[in-house]
mmCIF file of all heavy atoms, coordinates in Angstrom:
data_MODEL
# 
_entry.id   MODEL 
# 
loop_
_atom_site.group_PDB 
_atom_site.id 
_atom_site.type_symbol 
_atom_site.label_atom_id 
_atom_site.label_alt_id 
_atom_site.label_comp_id 
_atom_site.label_asym_id 
_atom_site.label_entity_id 
_atom_site.label_seq_id 
_atom_site.pdbx_PDB_ins_code 
_atom_site.Cartn_x 
_atom_site.Cartn_y 
_atom_site.Cartn_z 
_atom_site.occupancy 
_atom_site.B_iso_or_equiv 
_atom_site.pdbx_formal_charge 
_atom_site.auth_seq_id 
_atom_site.auth_comp_id 
_atom_site.auth_asym_id 
_atom_site.auth_atom_id 
_atom_site.pdbx_PDB_model_num 
ATOM 1   N N   . GLY A 1 1  ? 109.646 102.611 89.485  1.00 0.00 ? 1  GLY A N   1 
ATOM 2   C CA  . GLY A 1 1  ? 109.934 103.787 88.708  1.00 0.00 ? 1  GLY A CA  1 
ATOM 3   C C   . GLY A 1 1  ? 111.207 103.659 87.829  1.00 0.00 ? 1  GLY A C   1 
ATOM 4   O O   . GLY A 1 1  ? 111.255 104.073 86.693  1.00 0.00 ? 1  GLY A O   1 
ATOM 5   N N   . CYS A 1 2  ? 112.202 103.051 88.460  1.00 0.00 ? 2  CYS A N   1 
ATOM 6   C CA  . CYS A 1 2  ? 113.475 102.796 87.691  1.00 0.00 ? 2  CYS A CA  1 
ATOM 7   C C   . CYS A 1 2  ? 113.242 101.781 86.617  1.00 0.00 ? 2  CYS A C   1 
ATOM 8   O O   . CYS A 1 2  ? 113.771 101.987 85.488  1.00 0.00 ? 2  CYS A O   1 
ATOM 9   C CB  . CYS A 1 2  ? 114.593 102.336 88.623  1.00 0.00 ? 2  CYS A CB  1 
ATOM 10  S SG  . CYS A 1 2  ? 115.262 103.615 89.724  1.00 0.00 ? 2  CYS A SG  1 
ATOM 11  N N   . ARG A 1 3  ? 112.560 100.711 86.845  1.00 0.00 ? 3  ARG A N   1 
ATOM 12  C CA  . ARG A 1 3  ? 112.268 99.730  85.804  1.00 0.00 ? 3  ARG A CA  1 
ATOM 13  C C   . ARG A 1 3  ? 111.483 100.323 84.679  1.00 0.00 ? 3  ARG A C   1 
ATOM 14  O O   . ARG A 1 3  ? 111.808 100.086 83.501  1.00 0.00 ? 3  ARG A O   1 
ATOM 15  C CB  . ARG A 1 3  ? 111.468 98.556  86.408  1.00 0.00 ? 3  ARG A CB  1 
ATOM 16  C CG  . ARG A 1 3  ? 112.350 97.721  87.412  1.00 0.00 ? 3  ARG A CG  1 
ATOM 17  C CD  . ARG A 1 3  ? 111.590 96.479  87.864  1.00 0.00 ? 3  ARG A CD  1 
ATOM 18  N NE  . ARG A 1 3  ? 111.483 95.484  86.759  1.00 0.00 ? 3  ARG A NE  1 
ATOM 19  C CZ  . ARG A 1 3  ? 112.520 94.675  86.463  1.00 0.00 ? 3  ARG A CZ  1 
ATOM 20  N NH1 . ARG A 1 3  ? 113.649 94.684  87.171  1.00 0.00 ? 3  ARG A NH1 1 
ATOM 21  N NH2 . ARG A 1 3  ? 112.369 93.791  85.489  1.00 0.00 ? 3  ARG A NH2 1 
ATOM 22  N N   . ASP A 1 4  ? 110.517 101.190 84.919  1.00 0.00 ? 4  ASP A N   1 
ATOM 23  C CA  . ASP A 1 4  ? 109.771 101.814 83.892  1.00 0.00 ? 4  ASP A CA  1 
ATOM 24  C C   . ASP A 1 4  ? 110.704 102.762 83.046  1.00 0.00 ? 4  ASP A C   1 
ATOM 25  O O   . ASP A 1 4  ? 110.630 102.752 81.854  1.00 0.00 ? 4  ASP A O   1 
ATOM 26  C CB  . ASP A 1 4  ? 108.616 102.709 84.484  1.00 0.00 ? 4  ASP A CB  1 
ATOM 27  C CG  . ASP A 1 4  ? 107.445 101.892 84.988  1.00 0.00 ? 4  ASP A CG  1 
ATOM 28  O OD1 . ASP A 1 4  ? 107.326 100.684 84.672  1.00 0.00 ? 4  ASP A OD1 1 
ATOM 29  O OD2 . ASP A 1 4  ? 106.636 102.476 85.743  1.00 0.00 ? 4  ASP A OD2 1 
ATOM 30  N N   . THR A 1 5  ? 111.540 103.512 83.728  1.00 0.00 ? 5  THR A N   1 
ATOM 31  C CA  . THR A 1 5  ? 112.459 104.371 83.043  1.00 0.00 ? 5  THR A CA  1 
ATOM 32  C C   . THR A 1 5  ? 113.424 103.610 82.083  1.00 0.00 ? 5  THR A C   1 
ATOM 33  O O   . THR A 1 5  ? 113.678 104.057 81.002  1.00 0.00 ? 5  THR A O   1 
ATOM 34  C CB  . THR A 1 5  ? 113.316 105.201 84.094  1.00 0.00 ? 5  THR A CB  1 
ATOM 35  O OG1 . THR A 1 5  ? 112.452 106.044 84.827  1.00 0.00 ? 5  THR A OG1 1 
ATOM 36  C CG2 . THR A 1 5  ? 114.399 105.977 83.432  1.00 0.00 ? 5  THR A CG2 1 
ATOM 37  N N   . LEU A 1 6  ? 113.816 102.450 82.620  1.00 0.00 ? 6  LEU A N   1 
ATOM 38  C CA  . LEU A 1 6  ? 114.807 101.669 81.795  1.00 0.00 ? 6  LEU A CA  1 
ATOM 39  C C   . LEU A 1 6  ? 114.110 100.756 80.784  1.00 0.00 ? 6  LEU A C   1 
ATOM 40  O O   . LEU A 1 6  ? 114.788 100.056 80.044  1.00 0.00 ? 6  LEU A O   1 
ATOM 41  C CB  . LEU A 1 6  ? 115.637 100.799 82.789  1.00 0.00 ? 6  LEU A CB  1 
ATOM 42  C CG  . LEU A 1 6  ? 116.573 101.582 83.693  1.00 0.00 ? 6  LEU A CG  1 
ATOM 43  C CD1 . LEU A 1 6  ? 117.176 100.633 84.723  1.00 0.00 ? 6  LEU A CD1 1 
ATOM 44  C CD2 . LEU A 1 6  ? 117.640 102.307 82.936  1.00 0.00 ? 6  LEU A CD2 1 
ATOM 45  N N   . GLY A 1 7  ? 112.745 100.778 80.762  1.00 0.00 ? 7  GLY A N   1 
ATOM 46  C CA  . GLY A 1 7  ? 112.005 99.944  79.806  1.00 0.00 ? 7  GLY A CA  1 
ATOM 47  C C   . GLY A 1 7  ? 112.048 98.507  80.161  1.00 0.00 ? 7  GLY A C   1 
ATOM 48  O O   . GLY A 1 7  ? 111.900 97.653  79.241  1.00 0.00 ? 7  GLY A O   1 
ATOM 49  N N   . LEU A 1 8  ? 112.233 98.183  81.423  1.00 0.00 ? 8  LEU A N   1 
ATOM 50  C CA  . LEU A 1 8  ? 112.260 96.799  81.886  1.00 0.00 ? 8  LEU A CA  1 
ATOM 51  C C   . LEU A 1 8  ? 110.872 96.306  82.269  1.00 0.00 ? 8  LEU A C   1 
ATOM 52  O O   . LEU A 1 8  ? 110.078 97.142  82.656  1.00 0.00 ? 8  LEU A O   1 
ATOM 53  C CB  . LEU A 1 8  ? 113.203 96.649  83.087  1.00 0.00 ? 8  LEU A CB  1 
ATOM 54  C CG  . LEU A 1 8  ? 114.645 97.038  82.847  1.00 0.00 ? 8  LEU A CG  1 
ATOM 55  C CD1 . LEU A 1 8  ? 115.414 96.972  84.167  1.00 0.00 ? 8  LEU A CD1 1 
ATOM 56  C CD2 . LEU A 1 8  ? 115.332 96.166  81.814  1.00 0.00 ? 8  LEU A CD2 1 
ATOM 57  N N   . PRO A 1 9  ? 110.548 95.056  82.072  1.00 0.00 ? 9  PRO A N   1 
ATOM 58  C CA  . PRO A 1 9  ? 109.255 94.590  82.432  1.00 0.00 ? 9  PRO A CA  1 
ATOM 59  C C   . PRO A 1 9  ? 109.028 94.700  83.890  1.00 0.00 ? 9  PRO A C   1 
ATOM 60  O O   . PRO A 1 9  ? 109.898 94.639  84.739  1.00 0.00 ? 9  PRO A O   1 
ATOM 61  C CB  . PRO A 1 9  ? 109.227 93.133  81.951  1.00 0.00 ? 9  PRO A CB  1 
ATOM 62  C CG  . PRO A 1 9  ? 110.682 92.732  81.861  1.00 0.00 ? 9  PRO A CG  1 
ATOM 63  C CD  . PRO A 1 9  ? 111.472 94.004  81.588  1.00 0.00 ? 9  PRO A CD  1 
ATOM 64  N N   . PRO A 1 10 ? 107.713 94.830  84.313  1.00 0.00 ? 10 PRO A N   1 
ATOM 65  C CA  . PRO A 1 10 ? 107.386 94.864  85.676  1.00 0.00 ? 10 PRO A CA  1 
ATOM 66  C C   . PRO A 1 10 ? 107.644 93.565  86.371  1.00 0.00 ? 10 PRO A C   1 
ATOM 67  O O   . PRO A 1 10 ? 107.746 92.465  85.696  1.00 0.00 ? 10 PRO A O   1 
ATOM 68  C CB  . PRO A 1 10 ? 105.939 95.248  85.778  1.00 0.00 ? 10 PRO A CB  1 
ATOM 69  C CG  . PRO A 1 10 ? 105.421 94.867  84.408  1.00 0.00 ? 10 PRO A CG  1 
ATOM 70  C CD  . PRO A 1 10 ? 106.536 94.955  83.423  1.00 0.00 ? 10 PRO A CD  1 
ATOM 71  N N   . VAL A 1 11 ? 107.823 93.603  87.696  1.00 0.00 ? 11 VAL A N   1 
ATOM 72  C CA  . VAL A 1 11 ? 108.041 92.391  88.457  1.00 0.00 ? 11 VAL A CA  1 
ATOM 73  C C   . VAL A 1 11 ? 106.823 92.309  89.443  1.00 0.00 ? 11 VAL A C   1 
ATOM 74  O O   . VAL A 1 11 ? 106.168 93.322  89.661  1.00 0.00 ? 11 VAL A O   1 
ATOM 75  C CB  . VAL A 1 11 ? 109.315 92.388  89.255  1.00 0.00 ? 11 VAL A CB  1 
ATOM 76  C CG1 . VAL A 1 11 ? 110.488 92.305  88.337  1.00 0.00 ? 11 VAL A CG1 1 
ATOM 77  C CG2 . VAL A 1 11 ? 109.457 93.562  90.184  1.00 0.00 ? 11 VAL A CG2 1 
ATOM 78  N N   . PRO A 1 12 ? 106.529 91.152  90.013  1.00 0.00 ? 12 PRO A N   1 
ATOM 79  C CA  . PRO A 1 12 ? 105.440 91.066  90.987  1.00 0.00 ? 12 PRO A CA  1 
ATOM 80  C C   . PRO A 1 12 ? 105.624 92.108  92.111  1.00 0.00 ? 12 PRO A C   1 
ATOM 81  O O   . PRO A 1 12 ? 106.729 92.308  92.596  1.00 0.00 ? 12 PRO A O   1 
ATOM 82  C CB  . PRO A 1 12 ? 105.479 89.628  91.476  1.00 0.00 ? 12 PRO A CB  1 
ATOM 83  C CG  . PRO A 1 12 ? 106.232 88.860  90.424  1.00 0.00 ? 12 PRO A CG  1 
ATOM 84  C CD  . PRO A 1 12 ? 107.204 89.854  89.806  1.00 0.00 ? 12 PRO A CD  1 
ATOM 85  N N   . VAL A 1 13 ? 104.541 92.654  92.519  1.00 0.00 ? 13 VAL A N   1 
ATOM 86  C CA  . VAL A 1 13 ? 104.609 93.655  93.599  1.00 0.00 ? 13 VAL A CA  1 
ATOM 87  C C   . VAL A 1 13 ? 105.018 93.019  94.879  1.00 0.00 ? 13 VAL A C   1 
ATOM 88  O O   . VAL A 1 13 ? 104.419 92.023  95.300  1.00 0.00 ? 13 VAL A O   1 
ATOM 89  C CB  . VAL A 1 13 ? 103.222 94.392  93.715  1.00 0.00 ? 13 VAL A CB  1 
ATOM 90  C CG1 . VAL A 1 13 ? 103.243 95.301  94.900  1.00 0.00 ? 13 VAL A CG1 1 
ATOM 91  C CG2 . VAL A 1 13 ? 102.875 95.116  92.456  1.00 0.00 ? 13 VAL A CG2 1 
ATOM 92  N N   . ALA A 1 14 ? 105.981 93.625  95.532  1.00 0.00 ? 14 ALA A N   1 
ATOM 93  C CA  . ALA A 1 14 ? 106.473 93.140  96.843  1.00 0.00 ? 14 ALA A CA  1 
ATOM 94  C C   . ALA A 1 14 ? 105.409 93.521  97.881  1.00 0.00 ? 14 ALA A C   1 
ATOM 95  O O   . ALA A 1 14 ? 104.942 94.671  97.955  1.00 0.00 ? 14 ALA A O   1 
ATOM 96  C CB  . ALA A 1 14 ? 107.793 93.714  97.126  1.00 0.00 ? 14 ALA A CB  1 
ATOM 97  N N   . VAL A 1 15 ? 105.039 92.599  98.759  1.00 0.00 ? 15 VAL A N   1 
ATOM 98  C CA  . VAL A 1 15 ? 104.131 92.901  99.847  1.00 0.00 ? 15 VAL A CA  1 
ATOM 99  C C   . VAL A 1 15 ? 104.752 92.620  101.225 1.00 0.00 ? 15 VAL A C   1 
ATOM 100 O O   . VAL A 1 15 ? 104.213 93.078  102.162 1.00 0.00 ? 15 VAL A O   1 
ATOM 101 C CB  . VAL A 1 15 ? 102.759 92.138  99.701  1.00 0.00 ? 15 VAL A CB  1 
ATOM 102 C CG1 . VAL A 1 15 ? 102.007 92.597  98.463  1.00 0.00 ? 15 VAL A CG1 1 
ATOM 103 C CG2 . VAL A 1 15 ? 102.972 90.635  99.648  1.00 0.00 ? 15 VAL A CG2 1 
ATOM 104 N N   . THR A 1 16 ? 105.851 91.900  101.188 1.00 0.00 ? 16 THR A N   1 
ATOM 105 C CA  . THR A 1 16 ? 106.556 91.620  102.497 1.00 0.00 ? 16 THR A CA  1 
ATOM 106 C C   . THR A 1 16 ? 107.929 92.290  102.402 1.00 0.00 ? 16 THR A C   1 
ATOM 107 O O   . THR A 1 16 ? 108.482 92.546  101.331 1.00 0.00 ? 16 THR A O   1 
ATOM 108 C CB  . THR A 1 16 ? 106.693 90.187  102.714 1.00 0.00 ? 16 THR A CB  1 
ATOM 109 O OG1 . THR A 1 16 ? 107.611 89.599  101.805 1.00 0.00 ? 16 THR A OG1 1 
ATOM 110 C CG2 . THR A 1 16 ? 105.362 89.444  102.717 1.00 0.00 ? 16 THR A CG2 1 
ATOM 111 N N   . LEU A 1 17 ? 108.520 92.434  103.561 1.00 0.00 ? 17 LEU A N   1 
ATOM 112 C CA  . LEU A 1 17 ? 109.930 92.907  103.612 1.00 0.00 ? 17 LEU A CA  1 
ATOM 113 C C   . LEU A 1 17 ? 110.880 92.006  102.858 1.00 0.00 ? 17 LEU A C   1 
ATOM 114 O O   . LEU A 1 17 ? 111.786 92.548  102.158 1.00 0.00 ? 17 LEU A O   1 
ATOM 115 C CB  . LEU A 1 17 ? 110.376 93.152  105.032 1.00 0.00 ? 17 LEU A CB  1 
ATOM 116 C CG  . LEU A 1 17 ? 111.658 93.937  105.250 1.00 0.00 ? 17 LEU A CG  1 
ATOM 117 C CD1 . LEU A 1 17 ? 111.617 95.335  104.626 1.00 0.00 ? 17 LEU A CD1 1 
ATOM 118 C CD2 . LEU A 1 17 ? 111.934 94.052  106.739 1.00 0.00 ? 17 LEU A CD2 1 
ATOM 119 N N   . GLY A 1 18 ? 110.682 90.753  102.967 1.00 0.00 ? 18 GLY A N   1 
ATOM 120 C CA  . GLY A 1 18 ? 111.545 89.769  102.314 1.00 0.00 ? 18 GLY A CA  1 
ATOM 121 C C   . GLY A 1 18 ? 111.456 89.873  100.787 1.00 0.00 ? 18 GLY A C   1 
ATOM 122 O O   . GLY A 1 18 ? 112.423 89.834  100.056 1.00 0.00 ? 18 GLY A O   1 
ATOM 123 N N   . GLN A 1 19 ? 110.224 90.075  100.308 1.00 0.00 ? 19 GLN A N   1 
ATOM 124 C CA  . GLN A 1 19 ? 110.030 90.269  98.875  1.00 0.00 ? 19 GLN A CA  1 
ATOM 125 C C   . GLN A 1 19 ? 110.630 91.562  98.367  1.00 0.00 ? 19 GLN A C   1 
ATOM 126 O O   . GLN A 1 19 ? 111.155 91.656  97.278  1.00 0.00 ? 19 GLN A O   1 
ATOM 127 C CB  . GLN A 1 19 ? 108.469 90.229  98.518  1.00 0.00 ? 19 GLN A CB  1 
ATOM 128 C CG  . GLN A 1 19 ? 107.869 88.845  98.716  1.00 0.00 ? 19 GLN A CG  1 
ATOM 129 C CD  . GLN A 1 19 ? 106.336 88.888  98.673  1.00 0.00 ? 19 GLN A CD  1 
ATOM 130 O OE1 . GLN A 1 19 ? 105.723 89.932  99.014  1.00 0.00 ? 19 GLN A OE1 1 
ATOM 131 N NE2 . GLN A 1 19 ? 105.720 87.731  98.302  1.00 0.00 ? 19 GLN A NE2 1 
ATOM 132 N N   . ALA A 1 20 ? 110.487 92.611  99.179  1.00 0.00 ? 20 ALA A N   1 
ATOM 133 C CA  . ALA A 1 20 ? 111.054 93.872  98.805  1.00 0.00 ? 20 ALA A CA  1 
ATOM 134 C C   . ALA A 1 20 ? 112.583 93.772  98.738  1.00 0.00 ? 20 ALA A C   1 
ATOM 135 O O   . ALA A 1 20 ? 113.223 94.295  97.851  1.00 0.00 ? 20 ALA A O   1 
ATOM 136 C CB  . ALA A 1 20 ? 110.689 94.940  99.860  1.00 0.00 ? 20 ALA A CB  1 
ATOM 137 N N   . ALA A 1 21 ? 113.176 93.032  99.706  1.00 0.00 ? 21 ALA A N   1 
ATOM 138 C CA  . ALA A 1 21 ? 114.641 92.857  99.703  1.00 0.00 ? 21 ALA A CA  1 
ATOM 139 C C   . ALA A 1 21 ? 115.061 92.124  98.454  1.00 0.00 ? 21 ALA A C   1 
ATOM 140 O O   . ALA A 1 21 ? 115.970 92.520  97.767  1.00 0.00 ? 21 ALA A O   1 
ATOM 141 C CB  . ALA A 1 21 ? 115.079 92.065  100.941 1.00 0.00 ? 21 ALA A CB  1 
ATOM 142 N N   . GLU A 1 22 ? 114.345 91.073  98.136  1.00 0.00 ? 22 GLU A N   1 
ATOM 143 C CA  . GLU A 1 22 ? 114.665 90.278  96.923  1.00 0.00 ? 22 GLU A CA  1 
ATOM 144 C C   . GLU A 1 22 ? 114.516 91.124  95.655  1.00 0.00 ? 22 GLU A C   1 
ATOM 145 O O   . GLU A 1 22 ? 115.392 91.125  94.739  1.00 0.00 ? 22 GLU A O   1 
ATOM 146 C CB  . GLU A 1 22 ? 113.743 89.079  96.816  1.00 0.00 ? 22 GLU A CB  1 
ATOM 147 C CG  . GLU A 1 22 ? 114.076 88.150  95.678  1.00 0.00 ? 22 GLU A CG  1 
ATOM 148 C CD  . GLU A 1 22 ? 113.181 86.979  95.663  1.00 0.00 ? 22 GLU A CD  1 
ATOM 149 O OE1 . GLU A 1 22 ? 112.846 86.358  96.748  1.00 0.00 ? 22 GLU A OE1 1 
ATOM 150 O OE2 . GLU A 1 22 ? 112.764 86.562  94.557  1.00 0.00 ? 22 GLU A OE2 1 
ATOM 151 N N   . THR A 1 23 ? 113.496 91.962  95.574  1.00 0.00 ? 23 THR A N   1 
ATOM 152 C CA  . THR A 1 23 ? 113.253 92.804  94.433  1.00 0.00 ? 23 THR A CA  1 
ATOM 153 C C   . THR A 1 23 ? 114.416 93.862  94.277  1.00 0.00 ? 23 THR A C   1 
ATOM 154 O O   . THR A 1 23 ? 114.915 94.005  93.190  1.00 0.00 ? 23 THR A O   1 
ATOM 155 C CB  . THR A 1 23 ? 111.946 93.559  94.562  1.00 0.00 ? 23 THR A CB  1 
ATOM 156 O OG1 . THR A 1 23 ? 110.867 92.582  94.553  1.00 0.00 ? 23 THR A OG1 1 
ATOM 157 C CG2 . THR A 1 23 ? 111.726 94.554  93.407  1.00 0.00 ? 23 THR A CG2 1 
ATOM 158 N N   . ALA A 1 24 ? 114.741 94.508  95.352  1.00 0.00 ? 24 ALA A N   1 
ATOM 159 C CA  . ALA A 1 24 ? 115.799 95.557  95.275  1.00 0.00 ? 24 ALA A CA  1 
ATOM 160 C C   . ALA A 1 24 ? 117.172 94.933  95.010  1.00 0.00 ? 24 ALA A C   1 
ATOM 161 O O   . ALA A 1 24 ? 117.931 95.470  94.167  1.00 0.00 ? 24 ALA A O   1 
ATOM 162 C CB  . ALA A 1 24 ? 115.834 96.270  96.641  1.00 0.00 ? 24 ALA A CB  1 
ATOM 163 N N   . VAL A 1 25 ? 117.539 93.872  95.688  1.00 0.00 ? 25 VAL A N   1 
ATOM 164 C CA  . VAL A 1 25 ? 118.860 93.283  95.485  1.00 0.00 ? 25 VAL A CA  1 
ATOM 165 C C   . VAL A 1 25 ? 119.026 92.731  94.090  1.00 0.00 ? 25 VAL A C   1 
ATOM 166 O O   . VAL A 1 25 ? 120.032 92.962  93.470  1.00 0.00 ? 25 VAL A O   1 
ATOM 167 C CB  . VAL A 1 25 ? 119.131 92.225  96.579  1.00 0.00 ? 25 VAL A CB  1 
ATOM 168 C CG1 . VAL A 1 25 ? 120.389 91.469  96.285  1.00 0.00 ? 25 VAL A CG1 1 
ATOM 169 C CG2 . VAL A 1 25 ? 119.271 92.921  97.984  1.00 0.00 ? 25 VAL A CG2 1 
ATOM 170 N N   . SER A 1 26 ? 117.996 92.041  93.575  1.00 0.00 ? 26 SER A N   1 
ATOM 171 C CA  . SER A 1 26 ? 118.118 91.516  92.208  1.00 0.00 ? 26 SER A CA  1 
ATOM 172 C C   . SER A 1 26 ? 118.189 92.651  91.202  1.00 0.00 ? 26 SER A C   1 
ATOM 173 O O   . SER A 1 26 ? 118.875 92.541  90.266  1.00 0.00 ? 26 SER A O   1 
ATOM 174 C CB  . SER A 1 26 ? 117.037 90.527  91.901  1.00 0.00 ? 26 SER A CB  1 
ATOM 175 O OG  . SER A 1 26 ? 115.739 91.113  91.919  1.00 0.00 ? 26 SER A OG  1 
ATOM 176 N N   . PHE A 1 27 ? 117.431 93.666  91.455  1.00 0.00 ? 27 PHE A N   1 
ATOM 177 C CA  . PHE A 1 27 ? 117.453 94.830  90.524  1.00 0.00 ? 27 PHE A CA  1 
ATOM 178 C C   . PHE A 1 27 ? 118.852 95.497  90.510  1.00 0.00 ? 27 PHE A C   1 
ATOM 179 O O   . PHE A 1 27 ? 119.407 95.635  89.391  1.00 0.00 ? 27 PHE A O   1 
ATOM 180 C CB  . PHE A 1 27 ? 116.398 95.888  90.916  1.00 0.00 ? 27 PHE A CB  1 
ATOM 181 C CG  . PHE A 1 27 ? 116.357 97.110  90.104  1.00 0.00 ? 27 PHE A CG  1 
ATOM 182 C CD1 . PHE A 1 27 ? 115.938 97.054  88.762  1.00 0.00 ? 27 PHE A CD1 1 
ATOM 183 C CD2 . PHE A 1 27 ? 116.900 98.317  90.618  1.00 0.00 ? 27 PHE A CD2 1 
ATOM 184 C CE1 . PHE A 1 27 ? 115.975 98.209  87.979  1.00 0.00 ? 27 PHE A CE1 1 
ATOM 185 C CE2 . PHE A 1 27 ? 116.948 99.424  89.785  1.00 0.00 ? 27 PHE A CE2 1 
ATOM 186 C CZ  . PHE A 1 27 ? 116.479 99.375  88.529  1.00 0.00 ? 27 PHE A CZ  1 
ATOM 187 N N   . VAL A 1 28 ? 119.396 95.878  91.668  1.00 0.00 ? 28 VAL A N   1 
ATOM 188 C CA  . VAL A 1 28 ? 120.671 96.549  91.594  1.00 0.00 ? 28 VAL A CA  1 
ATOM 189 C C   . VAL A 1 28 ? 121.788 95.613  91.128  1.00 0.00 ? 28 VAL A C   1 
ATOM 190 O O   . VAL A 1 28 ? 122.765 96.122  90.505  1.00 0.00 ? 28 VAL A O   1 
ATOM 191 C CB  . VAL A 1 28 ? 121.051 97.199  92.966  1.00 0.00 ? 28 VAL A CB  1 
ATOM 192 C CG1 . VAL A 1 28 ? 120.022 98.224  93.365  1.00 0.00 ? 28 VAL A CG1 1 
ATOM 193 C CG2 . VAL A 1 28 ? 121.303 96.166  94.050  1.00 0.00 ? 28 VAL A CG2 1 
# 
């Protein structure tokens, strides 16, 4: 939702907790 709001390209969907962590930390 934040990426869409900011006009940033989508990233691969996280399916594991490790992927979610990587997605969130790299985003912030």
